[in-house]
């Protein structure tokens, strides 16, 4: 069985479409949060994701859409949340509200713990590759812990629990991956992980966001910004 691991779509249906052939080849889809935020293809992204009946976790941007955005957050976050709150359909809002913040269970014989930021503070923490919090994950008695939030891939598959952050579909923040859609595929039989990276039409996404009032921040994670 193949499991598609995706995270941080951020209302970027163009990027999401770039990996659909991979997702179509998988048996199960796990989304690790932040379906909305930043960009403006809110319902297109949610509708497309829901077609796959995913096991989906709530991300902090999803939470902000439902509960309001803290005032101290940056303009880019505020823009995406405000836009999503204005445009999301009632049905899609209800779907977001149904998502768990942490999910633990078994998928095809593999015990899994899924969350967005961390299992302790799923809406707040960031588990970067140099985070001291990573050491605490070894105390969880699961085969696999998968998460998002940082927009940067992280793979530890040499010891258990396996730790996987598939990277971001909609807004990659690893400089070498700016403007690319990232995800991962887990083969439950071989226990192998395949990282997927795809190009997509980022100028289209940026221009659409600008047409809806986004600021110059939309250029921050383009390939040109990494040069």
N, C-alpha and C. Protein backbone atom coordinates (compact mmCIF):
# COMPACT_ATOMS: atom_id res chain seq x y z
N UNK A 1 0.83 -1.20 0.00
CA UNK A 1 0.00 0.00 0.00
C UNK A 1 0.87 1.26 0.00
N UNK A 2 0.49 2.23 -0.79
CA UNK A 2 1.23 3.49 -0.85
C UNK A 2 0.40 4.61 -0.23
N UNK A 3 1.07 5.36 0.66
CA UNK A 3 0.41 6.47 1.33
C UNK A 3 1.04 7.77 0.87
N UNK A 4 0.21 8.67 0.36
CA UNK A 4 0.67 10.00 -0.01
C UNK A 4 0.67 10.88 1.23
N UNK A 5 1.82 11.44 1.55
CA UNK A 5 1.96 12.35 2.68
C UNK A 5 2.13 13.77 2.13
N UNK A 6 1.18 14.63 2.45
CA UNK A 6 1.22 16.00 1.96
C UNK A 6 0.98 16.95 3.12
N UNK A 7 1.42 18.19 2.96
CA UNK A 7 1.26 19.18 4.03
C UNK A 7 1.34 20.58 3.45
N UNK A 8 0.78 21.53 4.17
CA UNK A 8 0.93 22.95 3.86
C UNK A 8 0.60 23.27 2.40
N UNK A 9 -0.64 22.95 2.04
CA UNK A 9 -1.12 23.25 0.69
C UNK A 9 -1.34 24.75 0.50
N UNK A 10 -1.82 25.41 1.52
CA UNK A 10 -1.97 26.86 1.57
C UNK A 10 -2.73 27.45 0.37
N UNK A 11 -3.89 26.88 0.12
CA UNK A 11 -4.79 27.43 -0.91
C UNK A 11 -4.09 27.62 -2.25
N UNK A 12 -3.21 26.69 -2.58
CA UNK A 12 -2.46 26.73 -3.82
C UNK A 12 -2.85 25.50 -4.65
N UNK A 13 -3.98 25.62 -5.34
CA UNK A 13 -4.48 24.49 -6.12
C UNK A 13 -3.61 24.21 -7.33
N UNK A 14 -2.91 25.22 -7.85
CA UNK A 14 -2.03 25.02 -8.99
C UNK A 14 -0.89 24.07 -8.60
N UNK A 15 -0.28 24.33 -7.45
CA UNK A 15 0.78 23.44 -6.97
C UNK A 15 0.23 22.05 -6.68
N UNK A 16 -0.94 21.99 -6.09
CA UNK A 16 -1.55 20.71 -5.76
C UNK A 16 -1.79 19.88 -7.02
N UNK A 17 -2.27 20.54 -8.06
CA UNK A 17 -2.53 19.83 -9.31
C UNK A 17 -1.27 19.23 -9.91
N UNK A 18 -0.11 19.83 -9.61
CA UNK A 18 1.14 19.34 -10.20
C UNK A 18 1.55 17.98 -9.67
N UNK A 19 1.00 17.55 -8.54
CA UNK A 19 1.37 16.25 -7.96
C UNK A 19 0.22 15.24 -7.98
N UNK A 20 -0.86 15.59 -8.66
CA UNK A 20 -2.03 14.71 -8.62
C UNK A 20 -1.78 13.34 -9.26
N UNK A 21 -0.88 13.28 -10.23
CA UNK A 21 -0.60 11.97 -10.82
C UNK A 21 0.02 11.04 -9.80
N UNK A 22 0.85 11.59 -8.92
CA UNK A 22 1.45 10.79 -7.84
C UNK A 22 0.38 10.38 -6.84
N UNK A 23 -0.44 11.32 -6.45
CA UNK A 23 -1.49 11.05 -5.48
C UNK A 23 -2.47 10.02 -6.02
N UNK A 24 -2.77 10.10 -7.31
CA UNK A 24 -3.68 9.12 -7.93
C UNK A 24 -3.11 7.71 -7.88
N UNK A 25 -1.80 7.59 -7.82
CA UNK A 25 -1.16 6.27 -7.79
C UNK A 25 -1.10 5.69 -6.38
N UNK A 26 -1.51 6.48 -5.38
CA UNK A 26 -1.45 6.04 -3.99
C UNK A 26 -2.80 5.50 -3.53
N UNK A 27 -2.77 4.71 -2.47
CA UNK A 27 -3.99 4.09 -1.94
C UNK A 27 -4.64 4.94 -0.86
N UNK A 28 -3.86 5.82 -0.22
CA UNK A 28 -4.38 6.62 0.89
C UNK A 28 -3.67 7.97 0.87
N UNK A 29 -4.41 8.99 1.26
CA UNK A 29 -3.84 10.34 1.34
C UNK A 29 -3.90 10.82 2.78
N UNK A 30 -2.76 11.26 3.28
CA UNK A 30 -2.68 11.87 4.61
C UNK A 30 -2.22 13.31 4.43
N UNK A 31 -3.04 14.24 4.91
CA UNK A 31 -2.69 15.66 4.84
C UNK A 31 -2.39 16.14 6.24
N UNK A 32 -1.23 16.76 6.40
CA UNK A 32 -0.73 17.12 7.72
C UNK A 32 -0.97 18.58 8.09
N UNK A 33 -2.00 19.17 7.51
CA UNK A 33 -2.46 20.47 7.96
C UNK A 33 -2.10 21.65 7.08
N UNK A 34 -2.78 22.76 7.33
CA UNK A 34 -2.67 24.01 6.59
C UNK A 34 -3.10 23.83 5.13
N UNK A 35 -4.37 23.52 4.99
CA UNK A 35 -4.97 23.44 3.66
C UNK A 35 -5.15 24.84 3.10
N UNK A 36 -5.38 25.82 3.97
CA UNK A 36 -5.64 27.20 3.54
C UNK A 36 -4.54 28.13 4.06
N UNK A 37 -4.70 29.43 3.74
CA UNK A 37 -3.74 30.43 4.18
C UNK A 37 -2.83 30.88 3.06
N UNK A 38 -2.35 32.11 3.12
CA UNK A 38 -1.42 32.74 2.18
C UNK A 38 -2.04 33.03 0.81
N UNK A 39 -2.47 32.00 0.09
CA UNK A 39 -2.91 32.21 -1.29
C UNK A 39 -4.43 32.17 -1.40
N UNK A 40 -4.95 32.21 -2.63
CA UNK A 40 -6.36 32.56 -2.81
C UNK A 40 -7.22 31.49 -3.48
N UNK A 41 -6.67 30.31 -3.70
CA UNK A 41 -7.48 29.23 -4.31
C UNK A 41 -8.05 28.35 -3.20
N UNK A 42 -8.86 28.97 -2.38
CA UNK A 42 -9.32 28.35 -1.13
C UNK A 42 -10.23 27.16 -1.38
N UNK A 43 -11.37 27.40 -2.00
CA UNK A 43 -12.33 26.31 -2.21
C UNK A 43 -11.86 25.33 -3.26
N UNK A 44 -11.11 25.81 -4.26
CA UNK A 44 -10.56 24.90 -5.26
C UNK A 44 -9.65 23.86 -4.59
N UNK A 45 -8.82 24.32 -3.66
CA UNK A 45 -7.89 23.41 -2.99
C UNK A 45 -8.63 22.45 -2.07
N UNK A 46 -9.55 22.97 -1.28
CA UNK A 46 -10.28 22.10 -0.36
C UNK A 46 -11.12 21.10 -1.13
N UNK A 47 -11.83 21.55 -2.16
CA UNK A 47 -12.68 20.64 -2.93
C UNK A 47 -11.85 19.52 -3.55
N UNK A 48 -10.69 19.88 -4.08
CA UNK A 48 -9.83 18.88 -4.70
C UNK A 48 -9.32 17.88 -3.67
N UNK A 49 -8.90 18.36 -2.52
CA UNK A 49 -8.42 17.48 -1.47
C UNK A 49 -9.51 16.54 -0.98
N UNK A 50 -10.69 17.06 -0.79
CA UNK A 50 -11.78 16.26 -0.24
C UNK A 50 -12.19 15.11 -1.16
N UNK A 51 -11.92 15.24 -2.45
CA UNK A 51 -12.24 14.16 -3.38
C UNK A 51 -11.48 12.87 -3.04
N UNK A 52 -10.35 13.03 -2.35
CA UNK A 52 -9.52 11.87 -2.01
C UNK A 52 -9.87 11.29 -0.64
N UNK A 53 -10.89 11.84 0.00
CA UNK A 53 -11.29 11.36 1.33
C UNK A 53 -10.07 11.19 2.23
N UNK A 54 -9.31 12.27 2.42
CA UNK A 54 -8.03 12.13 3.12
C UNK A 54 -8.19 11.97 4.62
N UNK A 55 -7.18 11.42 5.25
CA UNK A 55 -7.01 11.52 6.69
C UNK A 55 -6.29 12.85 6.87
N UNK A 56 -6.99 13.86 7.37
CA UNK A 56 -6.44 15.21 7.37
C UNK A 56 -6.39 15.77 8.79
N UNK A 57 -5.28 16.44 9.07
CA UNK A 57 -5.04 17.07 10.37
C UNK A 57 -5.24 18.58 10.23
N UNK A 58 -5.70 19.22 11.28
CA UNK A 58 -5.84 20.67 11.27
C UNK A 58 -4.49 21.35 11.45
N UNK A 59 -4.24 22.38 10.64
CA UNK A 59 -3.06 23.20 10.80
C UNK A 59 -3.39 24.52 11.46
N UNK A 60 -2.37 25.28 11.78
CA UNK A 60 -2.62 26.55 12.47
C UNK A 60 -3.38 27.56 11.61
N UNK A 61 -3.12 27.58 10.30
CA UNK A 61 -3.87 28.49 9.44
C UNK A 61 -5.33 28.05 9.33
N UNK A 62 -5.57 26.76 9.28
CA UNK A 62 -6.94 26.25 9.30
C UNK A 62 -7.64 26.68 10.59
N UNK A 63 -6.92 26.58 11.68
CA UNK A 63 -7.45 26.98 13.00
C UNK A 63 -7.77 28.47 13.02
N UNK A 64 -6.89 29.29 12.43
CA UNK A 64 -7.11 30.73 12.43
C UNK A 64 -8.36 31.10 11.63
N UNK A 65 -8.59 30.39 10.53
CA UNK A 65 -9.80 30.65 9.74
C UNK A 65 -11.05 30.40 10.58
N UNK A 66 -11.00 29.39 11.40
CA UNK A 66 -12.16 29.04 12.22
C UNK A 66 -12.30 29.92 13.45
N UNK A 67 -11.18 30.38 13.99
CA UNK A 67 -11.21 31.02 15.32
C UNK A 67 -10.65 32.44 15.36
N UNK A 68 -10.19 32.94 14.23
CA UNK A 68 -9.62 34.28 14.21
C UNK A 68 -8.11 34.24 14.27
N UNK A 69 -7.48 35.29 13.73
CA UNK A 69 -6.03 35.34 13.60
C UNK A 69 -5.45 36.26 14.67
N UNK A 70 -4.48 35.80 15.42
CA UNK A 70 -3.84 36.68 16.41
C UNK A 70 -3.31 37.96 15.78
N UNK A 71 -3.43 39.06 16.45
CA UNK A 71 -3.09 40.36 15.89
C UNK A 71 -1.59 40.50 15.60
N UNK A 72 -0.75 39.79 16.36
CA UNK A 72 0.68 40.00 16.21
C UNK A 72 1.28 39.29 15.01
N UNK A 73 0.50 38.52 14.28
CA UNK A 73 1.05 37.78 13.15
C UNK A 73 1.27 38.70 11.95
N UNK A 74 2.18 38.28 11.06
CA UNK A 74 2.58 39.11 9.93
C UNK A 74 1.47 39.25 8.89
N UNK A 75 1.64 40.28 8.04
CA UNK A 75 0.60 40.63 7.07
C UNK A 75 0.26 39.47 6.13
N UNK A 76 1.27 38.69 5.75
CA UNK A 76 1.02 37.59 4.81
C UNK A 76 0.06 36.57 5.40
N UNK A 77 0.22 36.28 6.68
CA UNK A 77 -0.69 35.35 7.36
C UNK A 77 -2.08 35.97 7.46
N UNK A 78 -2.13 37.22 7.87
CA UNK A 78 -3.41 37.90 8.04
C UNK A 78 -4.18 37.96 6.72
N UNK A 79 -3.47 38.25 5.62
CA UNK A 79 -4.13 38.32 4.32
C UNK A 79 -4.79 36.99 3.97
N UNK A 80 -4.03 35.90 4.08
CA UNK A 80 -4.56 34.59 3.70
C UNK A 80 -5.74 34.17 4.54
N UNK A 81 -5.68 34.48 5.84
CA UNK A 81 -6.78 34.11 6.74
C UNK A 81 -8.01 34.95 6.43
N UNK A 82 -7.82 36.25 6.27
CA UNK A 82 -8.96 37.13 5.96
C UNK A 82 -9.62 36.73 4.65
N UNK A 83 -8.79 36.42 3.64
CA UNK A 83 -9.35 36.04 2.35
C UNK A 83 -10.13 34.72 2.47
N UNK A 84 -9.56 33.76 3.17
CA UNK A 84 -10.23 32.47 3.34
C UNK A 84 -11.55 32.62 4.10
N UNK A 85 -11.54 33.43 5.12
CA UNK A 85 -12.77 33.62 5.91
C UNK A 85 -13.88 34.27 5.09
N UNK A 86 -13.50 35.12 4.14
CA UNK A 86 -14.50 35.78 3.29
C UNK A 86 -15.05 34.86 2.22
N UNK A 87 -14.24 33.91 1.76
CA UNK A 87 -14.61 33.17 0.55
C UNK A 87 -14.94 31.70 0.77
N UNK A 88 -14.54 31.12 1.87
CA UNK A 88 -14.77 29.69 2.08
C UNK A 88 -16.26 29.38 2.14
N UNK A 89 -16.66 28.29 1.51
CA UNK A 89 -18.06 27.90 1.56
C UNK A 89 -18.41 27.36 2.93
N UNK A 90 -19.69 27.39 3.26
CA UNK A 90 -20.13 26.88 4.57
C UNK A 90 -19.78 25.41 4.71
N UNK A 91 -19.91 24.66 3.64
CA UNK A 91 -19.62 23.22 3.69
C UNK A 91 -18.13 22.98 3.94
N UNK A 92 -17.29 23.75 3.27
CA UNK A 92 -15.85 23.57 3.46
C UNK A 92 -15.39 24.05 4.83
N UNK A 93 -16.03 25.10 5.33
CA UNK A 93 -15.72 25.55 6.69
C UNK A 93 -16.08 24.48 7.71
N UNK A 94 -17.22 23.84 7.50
CA UNK A 94 -17.64 22.76 8.39
C UNK A 94 -16.67 21.61 8.34
N UNK A 95 -16.16 21.33 7.15
CA UNK A 95 -15.18 20.24 7.01
C UNK A 95 -13.90 20.58 7.76
N UNK A 96 -13.40 21.82 7.62
CA UNK A 96 -12.21 22.23 8.37
C UNK A 96 -12.41 22.06 9.87
N UNK A 97 -13.60 22.44 10.33
CA UNK A 97 -13.89 22.38 11.76
C UNK A 97 -13.92 20.95 12.28
N UNK A 98 -14.11 19.99 11.39
CA UNK A 98 -14.18 18.58 11.81
C UNK A 98 -12.81 17.93 11.96
N UNK A 99 -11.75 18.62 11.55
CA UNK A 99 -10.42 18.01 11.53
C UNK A 99 -9.82 17.93 12.92
N UNK A 100 -9.17 16.81 13.25
CA UNK A 100 -8.49 16.70 14.55
C UNK A 100 -7.16 17.44 14.53
N UNK A 101 -6.69 17.85 15.68
CA UNK A 101 -5.38 18.49 15.77
C UNK A 101 -4.25 17.46 15.85
N UNK A 102 -4.56 16.30 16.37
CA UNK A 102 -3.60 15.19 16.45
C UNK A 102 -4.37 13.91 16.16
N UNK A 103 -3.75 13.01 15.39
CA UNK A 103 -4.38 11.72 15.11
C UNK A 103 -3.37 10.62 15.36
N UNK A 104 -3.77 9.62 16.12
CA UNK A 104 -2.92 8.46 16.37
C UNK A 104 -3.69 7.19 16.06
N UNK A 105 -3.05 6.25 15.38
CA UNK A 105 -3.72 5.01 15.04
C UNK A 105 -2.87 4.16 14.13
N UNK A 106 -3.48 3.18 13.51
CA UNK A 106 -2.76 2.23 12.66
C UNK A 106 -3.19 2.38 11.22
N UNK A 107 -2.23 2.42 10.32
CA UNK A 107 -2.49 2.47 8.89
C UNK A 107 -1.74 1.32 8.24
N UNK A 108 -2.48 0.31 7.77
CA UNK A 108 -1.87 -0.84 7.12
C UNK A 108 -0.74 -1.46 7.95
N UNK A 109 -1.01 -1.67 9.22
CA UNK A 109 -0.05 -2.34 10.09
C UNK A 109 1.05 -1.44 10.63
N UNK A 110 1.04 -0.17 10.28
CA UNK A 110 2.03 0.78 10.77
C UNK A 110 1.36 1.72 11.76
N UNK A 111 1.87 1.77 12.98
CA UNK A 111 1.30 2.68 13.97
C UNK A 111 1.82 4.09 13.70
N UNK A 112 0.89 5.05 13.61
CA UNK A 112 1.23 6.39 13.16
C UNK A 112 0.69 7.45 14.11
N UNK A 113 1.44 8.52 14.24
CA UNK A 113 0.99 9.71 14.95
C UNK A 113 1.16 10.88 13.99
N UNK A 114 0.05 11.56 13.70
CA UNK A 114 0.06 12.67 12.76
C UNK A 114 -0.31 13.96 13.48
N UNK A 115 0.40 15.02 13.20
CA UNK A 115 0.13 16.32 13.80
C UNK A 115 0.73 17.39 12.89
N UNK A 116 0.44 18.66 13.16
CA UNK A 116 0.94 19.72 12.29
C UNK A 116 2.26 20.30 12.80
N UNK A 117 2.25 20.86 13.99
CA UNK A 117 3.46 21.47 14.54
C UNK A 117 4.26 20.52 15.40
N UNK A 118 3.66 20.07 16.50
CA UNK A 118 4.26 19.06 17.37
C UNK A 118 3.12 18.36 18.10
N UNK A 119 3.36 17.20 18.70
CA UNK A 119 2.29 16.53 19.45
C UNK A 119 1.92 17.26 20.73
N UNK A 120 2.82 18.13 21.20
CA UNK A 120 2.57 18.86 22.45
C UNK A 120 1.79 20.14 22.19
N UNK A 121 2.21 20.88 21.18
CA UNK A 121 1.54 22.13 20.80
C UNK A 121 1.35 22.11 19.27
N UNK A 122 0.33 21.40 18.81
CA UNK A 122 0.18 21.18 17.37
C UNK A 122 -0.05 22.44 16.56
N UNK A 123 -0.58 23.50 17.19
CA UNK A 123 -0.82 24.74 16.46
C UNK A 123 0.30 25.75 16.60
N UNK A 124 1.31 25.45 17.40
CA UNK A 124 2.31 26.46 17.72
C UNK A 124 3.75 26.04 17.41
N UNK A 125 4.14 24.82 17.75
CA UNK A 125 5.54 24.43 17.64
C UNK A 125 5.99 24.23 16.20
N UNK A 126 7.31 24.36 16.00
CA UNK A 126 7.96 24.11 14.72
C UNK A 126 9.10 23.13 14.95
N UNK A 127 9.07 22.01 14.26
CA UNK A 127 10.10 21.00 14.41
C UNK A 127 11.08 21.07 13.23
N UNK A 128 12.03 22.00 13.33
CA UNK A 128 13.08 22.08 12.32
C UNK A 128 14.11 20.98 12.56
N UNK A 129 14.99 20.78 11.60
CA UNK A 129 15.98 19.70 11.70
C UNK A 129 16.93 19.88 12.87
N UNK A 130 17.09 21.10 13.35
CA UNK A 130 17.98 21.36 14.49
C UNK A 130 17.23 21.62 15.79
N UNK A 131 15.93 21.32 15.80
CA UNK A 131 15.12 21.58 16.98
C UNK A 131 15.40 20.56 18.09
N UNK A 132 15.59 21.04 19.29
CA UNK A 132 15.78 20.14 20.43
C UNK A 132 14.53 19.34 20.73
N UNK A 133 13.39 19.82 20.27
CA UNK A 133 12.13 19.11 20.50
C UNK A 133 12.11 17.76 19.79
N UNK A 134 12.90 17.62 18.73
CA UNK A 134 12.91 16.35 18.00
C UNK A 134 13.29 15.18 18.90
N UNK A 135 14.19 15.41 19.85
CA UNK A 135 14.62 14.34 20.74
C UNK A 135 13.46 13.78 21.55
N UNK A 136 12.51 14.65 21.89
CA UNK A 136 11.37 14.20 22.67
C UNK A 136 10.43 13.29 21.93
N UNK A 137 10.51 13.28 20.60
CA UNK A 137 9.61 12.43 19.81
C UNK A 137 9.93 10.95 19.97
N UNK A 138 11.16 10.63 20.37
CA UNK A 138 11.54 9.23 20.54
C UNK A 138 10.76 8.55 21.66
N UNK A 139 10.15 9.34 22.53
CA UNK A 139 9.38 8.76 23.63
C UNK A 139 8.02 8.25 23.18
N UNK A 140 7.59 8.64 21.98
CA UNK A 140 6.28 8.20 21.49
C UNK A 140 6.41 6.82 20.86
N UNK A 141 5.59 5.91 21.30
CA UNK A 141 5.69 4.51 20.88
C UNK A 141 4.90 4.26 19.60
N UNK A 142 5.34 4.88 18.53
CA UNK A 142 4.74 4.69 17.22
C UNK A 142 5.84 4.33 16.23
N UNK A 143 5.44 3.70 15.13
CA UNK A 143 6.40 3.42 14.07
C UNK A 143 6.75 4.68 13.29
N UNK A 144 5.75 5.56 13.10
CA UNK A 144 5.91 6.73 12.25
C UNK A 144 5.27 7.95 12.89
N UNK A 145 6.01 9.04 12.92
CA UNK A 145 5.49 10.34 13.30
C UNK A 145 5.65 11.25 12.09
N UNK A 146 4.55 11.85 11.63
CA UNK A 146 4.60 12.72 10.45
C UNK A 146 3.96 14.05 10.77
N UNK A 147 4.53 15.11 10.22
CA UNK A 147 4.10 16.45 10.59
C UNK A 147 4.43 17.43 9.46
N UNK A 148 4.01 18.70 9.63
CA UNK A 148 4.25 19.74 8.64
C UNK A 148 4.80 20.98 9.31
N UNK A 149 4.17 22.13 9.01
CA UNK A 149 4.39 23.41 9.67
C UNK A 149 5.63 24.17 9.20
N UNK A 150 6.78 23.53 9.06
CA UNK A 150 8.02 24.26 8.74
C UNK A 150 8.17 24.56 7.25
N UNK A 151 7.42 23.86 6.40
CA UNK A 151 7.53 24.00 4.94
C UNK A 151 8.88 23.52 4.43
N UNK A 152 9.54 22.69 5.20
CA UNK A 152 10.84 22.15 4.82
C UNK A 152 10.84 20.63 5.03
N UNK A 153 11.30 19.87 4.04
CA UNK A 153 11.32 18.41 4.19
C UNK A 153 12.26 17.98 5.31
N UNK A 154 11.88 16.91 5.98
CA UNK A 154 12.72 16.29 7.00
C UNK A 154 12.42 14.80 6.97
N UNK A 155 13.45 13.98 6.83
CA UNK A 155 13.27 12.53 6.77
C UNK A 155 14.27 11.85 7.70
N UNK A 156 13.75 11.13 8.69
CA UNK A 156 14.60 10.27 9.51
C UNK A 156 13.98 8.88 9.47
N UNK A 157 14.56 8.01 8.65
CA UNK A 157 13.96 6.70 8.43
C UNK A 157 14.94 5.57 8.71
N UNK A 158 16.00 5.88 9.46
CA UNK A 158 16.96 4.84 9.80
C UNK A 158 16.66 4.18 11.13
N UNK A 159 15.95 4.89 12.00
CA UNK A 159 15.56 4.34 13.30
C UNK A 159 14.11 4.69 13.57
N UNK A 160 13.49 3.92 14.46
CA UNK A 160 12.11 4.22 14.84
C UNK A 160 12.07 5.04 16.11
N UNK A 161 11.06 5.90 16.21
CA UNK A 161 10.04 6.13 15.19
C UNK A 161 10.60 6.89 13.99
N UNK A 162 10.10 6.51 12.79
CA UNK A 162 10.44 7.29 11.61
C UNK A 162 9.86 8.68 11.78
N UNK A 163 10.61 9.69 11.39
CA UNK A 163 10.13 11.07 11.43
C UNK A 163 10.09 11.61 10.00
N UNK A 164 8.91 12.10 9.60
CA UNK A 164 8.76 12.58 8.23
C UNK A 164 8.01 13.90 8.21
N UNK A 165 8.63 14.89 7.61
CA UNK A 165 7.95 16.10 7.18
C UNK A 165 8.09 16.12 5.66
N UNK A 166 7.00 15.97 4.92
CA UNK A 166 7.11 15.85 3.47
C UNK A 166 7.46 17.15 2.76
N UNK A 167 7.54 18.27 3.51
CA UNK A 167 7.70 19.56 2.88
C UNK A 167 6.34 20.12 2.49
N UNK A 168 6.36 21.25 1.84
CA UNK A 168 5.12 21.96 1.53
C UNK A 168 4.72 21.82 0.07
N UNK A 169 3.43 21.55 -0.14
CA UNK A 169 2.89 21.60 -1.50
C UNK A 169 2.87 23.04 -2.00
N UNK A 170 2.32 23.94 -1.18
CA UNK A 170 1.97 25.27 -1.68
C UNK A 170 2.97 26.37 -1.47
N UNK A 171 3.93 26.21 -0.55
CA UNK A 171 4.88 27.30 -0.30
C UNK A 171 6.18 26.75 0.30
N UNK A 172 6.98 26.10 -0.50
CA UNK A 172 8.24 25.52 -0.02
C UNK A 172 9.17 26.62 0.45
N UNK A 173 9.86 26.36 1.57
CA UNK A 173 10.76 27.36 2.15
C UNK A 173 12.20 26.91 2.23
N UNK A 174 12.51 25.73 1.75
CA UNK A 174 13.91 25.33 1.56
C UNK A 174 14.38 26.05 0.30
N UNK A 175 15.46 26.82 0.40
CA UNK A 175 15.85 27.70 -0.69
C UNK A 175 15.96 26.97 -2.03
N UNK A 176 16.48 25.76 -2.01
CA UNK A 176 16.64 25.01 -3.26
C UNK A 176 15.30 24.52 -3.82
N UNK A 177 14.24 24.66 -3.02
CA UNK A 177 12.93 24.16 -3.44
C UNK A 177 11.90 25.28 -3.60
N UNK A 178 12.34 26.54 -3.56
CA UNK A 178 11.41 27.65 -3.77
C UNK A 178 10.67 27.46 -5.10
N UNK A 179 9.36 27.68 -5.06
CA UNK A 179 8.56 27.59 -6.27
C UNK A 179 8.29 26.17 -6.73
N UNK A 180 8.49 25.19 -5.85
CA UNK A 180 8.23 23.79 -6.19
C UNK A 180 7.26 23.17 -5.18
N UNK A 181 6.51 22.21 -5.63
CA UNK A 181 5.59 21.47 -4.77
C UNK A 181 6.30 20.22 -4.26
N UNK A 182 6.26 20.01 -2.94
CA UNK A 182 6.95 18.87 -2.32
C UNK A 182 5.96 17.98 -1.58
N UNK A 183 6.18 16.68 -1.66
CA UNK A 183 5.39 15.71 -0.92
C UNK A 183 6.23 14.45 -0.77
N UNK A 184 5.66 13.42 -0.14
CA UNK A 184 6.36 12.15 0.02
C UNK A 184 5.39 11.00 -0.15
N UNK A 185 5.92 9.85 -0.52
CA UNK A 185 5.12 8.62 -0.65
C UNK A 185 5.75 7.55 0.23
N UNK A 186 4.95 6.96 1.09
CA UNK A 186 5.40 5.86 1.95
C UNK A 186 4.83 4.55 1.42
N UNK A 187 5.72 3.61 1.14
CA UNK A 187 5.31 2.26 0.76
C UNK A 187 5.27 1.41 2.03
N UNK A 188 4.09 0.99 2.44
CA UNK A 188 3.95 0.29 3.71
C UNK A 188 4.51 -1.13 3.66
N UNK A 189 4.72 -1.67 2.48
CA UNK A 189 5.28 -3.01 2.37
C UNK A 189 6.80 -2.98 2.46
N UNK A 190 7.43 -2.08 1.72
CA UNK A 190 8.89 -2.00 1.71
C UNK A 190 9.43 -1.07 2.79
N UNK A 191 8.51 -0.24 3.36
CA UNK A 191 8.89 0.77 4.37
C UNK A 191 9.81 1.84 3.78
N UNK A 192 9.78 2.01 2.48
CA UNK A 192 10.60 3.01 1.83
C UNK A 192 9.83 4.31 1.63
N UNK A 193 10.57 5.43 1.69
CA UNK A 193 10.00 6.75 1.49
C UNK A 193 10.54 7.35 0.21
N UNK A 194 9.65 7.87 -0.61
CA UNK A 194 10.06 8.55 -1.83
C UNK A 194 9.68 10.02 -1.74
N UNK A 195 10.66 10.91 -1.86
CA UNK A 195 10.40 12.34 -1.87
C UNK A 195 10.04 12.76 -3.29
N UNK A 196 8.98 13.56 -3.42
CA UNK A 196 8.50 14.04 -4.71
C UNK A 196 8.65 15.55 -4.76
N UNK A 197 9.21 16.07 -5.85
CA UNK A 197 9.37 17.51 -6.05
C UNK A 197 8.90 17.84 -7.47
N UNK A 198 7.99 18.81 -7.59
CA UNK A 198 7.44 19.17 -8.89
C UNK A 198 7.45 20.68 -9.11
N UNK A 199 7.71 21.07 -10.35
CA UNK A 199 7.55 22.46 -10.75
C UNK A 199 6.06 22.75 -10.95
N UNK A 200 5.69 24.01 -10.80
CA UNK A 200 4.32 24.43 -11.12
C UNK A 200 4.34 25.90 -11.52
N UNK A 201 3.22 26.40 -12.00
CA UNK A 201 3.12 27.76 -12.50
C UNK A 201 2.96 28.73 -11.33
N UNK A 202 4.07 29.02 -10.66
CA UNK A 202 4.02 29.91 -9.51
C UNK A 202 3.62 31.35 -9.88
N UNK A 203 4.07 31.90 -11.03
CA UNK A 203 3.63 33.24 -11.39
C UNK A 203 2.11 33.38 -11.45
N UNK A 204 1.43 32.35 -11.90
CA UNK A 204 -0.03 32.39 -11.93
C UNK A 204 -0.61 32.55 -10.52
N UNK A 205 -0.06 31.79 -9.58
CA UNK A 205 -0.53 31.84 -8.19
C UNK A 205 -0.27 33.21 -7.60
N UNK A 206 0.93 33.74 -7.85
CA UNK A 206 1.30 35.05 -7.33
C UNK A 206 0.41 36.15 -7.92
N UNK A 207 0.22 36.12 -9.24
CA UNK A 207 -0.59 37.15 -9.88
C UNK A 207 -2.04 37.12 -9.40
N UNK A 208 -2.55 35.92 -9.18
CA UNK A 208 -3.92 35.82 -8.67
C UNK A 208 -4.01 36.40 -7.27
N UNK A 209 -3.02 36.09 -6.42
CA UNK A 209 -3.03 36.65 -5.06
C UNK A 209 -2.91 38.17 -5.09
N UNK A 210 -2.04 38.70 -5.96
CA UNK A 210 -1.88 40.14 -6.08
C UNK A 210 -3.17 40.81 -6.53
N UNK A 211 -3.90 40.14 -7.42
CA UNK A 211 -5.15 40.71 -7.92
C UNK A 211 -6.22 40.79 -6.84
N UNK A 212 -6.03 40.01 -5.77
CA UNK A 212 -6.97 40.03 -4.65
C UNK A 212 -6.44 40.84 -3.47
N UNK A 213 -5.34 41.58 -3.68
CA UNK A 213 -4.87 42.50 -2.66
C UNK A 213 -3.68 42.06 -1.85
N UNK A 214 -3.02 40.97 -2.23
CA UNK A 214 -1.83 40.53 -1.49
C UNK A 214 -0.70 41.53 -1.67
N UNK A 215 0.17 41.58 -0.69
CA UNK A 215 1.30 42.49 -0.73
C UNK A 215 2.52 41.88 -1.40
N UNK A 216 3.64 42.59 -1.42
CA UNK A 216 4.87 42.12 -2.08
C UNK A 216 5.47 40.87 -1.46
N UNK A 217 4.99 40.47 -0.29
CA UNK A 217 5.49 39.25 0.36
C UNK A 217 5.30 38.02 -0.52
N UNK A 218 4.37 38.07 -1.48
CA UNK A 218 4.11 36.88 -2.30
C UNK A 218 5.33 36.49 -3.14
N UNK A 219 6.29 37.41 -3.30
CA UNK A 219 7.48 37.10 -4.07
C UNK A 219 8.57 36.44 -3.24
N UNK A 220 8.36 36.31 -1.94
CA UNK A 220 9.45 35.91 -1.04
C UNK A 220 9.99 34.53 -1.32
N UNK A 221 9.15 33.59 -1.69
CA UNK A 221 9.61 32.21 -1.86
C UNK A 221 9.61 31.76 -3.31
N UNK A 222 9.86 32.71 -4.21
CA UNK A 222 10.02 32.36 -5.62
C UNK A 222 11.46 31.92 -5.87
N UNK A 223 11.70 31.19 -6.96
CA UNK A 223 13.08 30.78 -7.25
C UNK A 223 14.04 31.97 -7.36
N UNK A 224 13.52 33.12 -7.84
CA UNK A 224 14.36 34.29 -7.98
C UNK A 224 14.84 34.80 -6.62
N UNK A 225 14.00 34.60 -5.59
CA UNK A 225 14.36 35.07 -4.26
C UNK A 225 15.51 34.29 -3.66
N UNK A 226 15.75 33.08 -4.18
CA UNK A 226 16.83 32.24 -3.65
C UNK A 226 18.18 32.57 -4.28
N UNK A 227 18.15 33.37 -5.34
CA UNK A 227 19.41 33.68 -6.04
C UNK A 227 20.20 34.75 -5.29
